[in-house]
Amino acid sequence: MKTKNLPKGVKQKIKKKIQSQKNVPKKGTQVIIAPKKATAVQQAKIAFEVSKVINEKNEEMLKARADMNKGKPNA
């Protein structure tokens, strides 16, 4: 290859090396998630179960009330 002389005042193109950030997972790899605290997970599960039971009871009460208002016999 021959080197070309550029006119005065023109900068030559230079390829810059991209500095990769350390401690960052590469694209396409699974993201590292910090482990949860066992007690917090257990409390969340208990709260979910409690709210589920309460919602089921409320639905049963509402269905019974709606059936009563429509005049349906108890099934």
Protein backbone atom coordinates (compact mmCIF):
# COMPACT_ATOMS: atom_id res chain seq x y z
CA MET A 1 0.00 0.00 0.00
CA LYS A 2 1.12 3.47 -0.74
CA THR A 3 0.74 6.15 1.84
CA LYS A 4 -1.19 9.14 0.66
CA ASN A 5 -0.28 12.66 1.53
CA LEU A 6 -3.16 14.58 2.99
CA PRO A 7 -3.55 18.32 2.53
CA LYS A 8 -2.51 20.60 5.36
CA GLY A 9 -5.00 20.92 8.22
CA VAL A 10 -6.63 17.54 7.57
CA LYS A 11 -6.40 14.92 10.27
CA GLN A 12 -5.80 11.31 9.43
CA LYS A 13 -8.51 8.81 10.40
CA ILE A 14 -7.62 6.86 13.50
CA LYS A 15 -9.51 3.82 14.75
CA LYS A 16 -10.26 4.28 18.43
CA LYS A 17 -10.35 1.28 20.73
CA ILE A 18 -13.62 1.09 22.60
CA GLN A 19 -13.07 0.59 26.29
CA SER A 20 -15.45 -2.04 27.58
CA GLN A 21 -17.00 -1.48 30.96
CA LYS A 22 -15.84 -3.99 33.51
CA ASN A 23 -18.25 -5.98 35.69
CA VAL A 24 -21.00 -5.71 33.09
CA PRO A 25 -22.38 -8.88 31.53
CA LYS A 26 -21.94 -9.12 27.77
CA LYS A 27 -24.92 -8.77 25.50
CA GLY A 28 -26.84 -12.02 25.26
CA THR A 29 -25.68 -13.41 28.60
CA GLN A 30 -28.05 -13.84 31.48
CA VAL A 31 -28.27 -10.91 33.82
CA ILE A 32 -26.95 -11.57 37.30
CA ILE A 33 -29.63 -10.83 39.87
CA ALA A 34 -28.82 -10.53 43.53
CA PRO A 35 -30.37 -13.31 45.63
CA LYS A 36 -33.42 -12.37 47.63
CA LYS A 37 -33.61 -12.67 51.36
CA ALA A 38 -35.31 -15.89 52.40
CA THR A 39 -37.48 -14.22 55.05
CA ALA A 40 -38.76 -11.60 52.60
CA VAL A 41 -39.63 -14.30 50.07
CA GLN A 42 -41.45 -16.33 52.73
CA GLN A 43 -43.41 -13.27 53.93
CA ALA A 44 -44.42 -12.45 50.36
CA LYS A 45 -45.65 -16.02 49.83
CA ILE A 46 -47.68 -15.91 53.05
CA ALA A 47 -49.19 -12.52 52.16
CA PHE A 48 -50.12 -13.88 48.71
CA GLU A 49 -51.83 -16.93 50.21
CA VAL A 50 -53.74 -14.83 52.76
CA SER A 51 -55.01 -12.40 50.13
CA LYS A 52 -55.97 -15.33 47.88
CA VAL A 53 -58.05 -16.93 50.66
CA ILE A 54 -59.72 -13.61 51.51
CA ASN A 55 -60.57 -12.99 47.84
CA GLU A 56 -62.07 -16.47 47.50
CA LYS A 57 -64.24 -15.93 50.59
CA ASN A 58 -65.39 -12.54 49.27
CA GLU A 59 -66.28 -14.06 45.89
CA GLU A 60 -68.32 -16.80 47.58
CA MET A 61 -70.20 -14.23 49.66
CA LEU A 62 -70.91 -12.06 46.61
CA LYS A 63 -72.10 -15.04 44.57
CA ALA A 64 -74.39 -16.16 47.39
CA ARG A 65 -75.80 -12.64 47.74
CA ALA A 66 -76.34 -12.33 43.96
CA ASP A 67 -78.03 -15.74 43.85
CA MET A 68 -80.28 -14.72 46.75
CA ASN A 69 -81.24 -11.48 45.00
CA LYS A 70 -82.11 -13.37 41.80
CA GLY A 71 -84.11 -15.91 43.75
CA LYS A 72 -81.97 -18.94 42.97
CA PRO A 73 -82.15 -21.79 45.47
CA ASN A 74 -78.99 -22.83 47.29
CA ALA A 75 -77.06 -25.36 45.25
